[in-house]
Structure formats: structure tokens, C-alpha cells
Amino acid sequence: MITRRISDKSARDALNNGGVESIGICQGSVLEIIVAGDIAEKTADVTACELNGSCPQHMTCLVVLGKTSAVAAAMEAIAAAR
């Protein structure tokens, strides 16, 4: 289901081919998600991309994909920056 909501082809391919161990999801404003994606990709070997949806509150979601330890490190860095 999540692959239908990701527009980044390389991220979708990684999900479909089993190249992803873990998925982290963050929610926030567009600016917060841009900053979070930058932090995630600079902190660990992960791919960060937008998760498209139809949330009535207009919240944007960021998906962080990668190995479990890398996703955990990226998510911790994002939380520490907030």
C-alpha cells in the first residue's frame, strides 16, 4: 500500500525489491519535512521521500527508508532537532 503513495521511483523500487529493512514516518508542515529529510539523509545511509496522501489537515509525511539501525539513527536525529 505504501508504494502507491510514494512518487520517488527509486524509493518505490527499493521497497518492491526488498531492499528496505525498516520504514520510519514523520509528519509535519512542509518546512519541517524538508528539514527532517535533510537531517535524515545527512545522519545515516537512508532515503527520505514524501509520502503523498489526502490528509484533511494538510500535513505532509516523510518516509525514511533503509536498514533498521540507519532508520533508527535518522529518526532519533530528527526527534532531537525538534
Foldseek 3Di string as FASTA:
>chain_A
DQLVQFPDPVVSVCVVVVVFDDKDKDKAAPVLLVVLQVQLVVFFVWHKTWGHDPDPVRITMIITTHYPVSNVRSVVRSVVVD
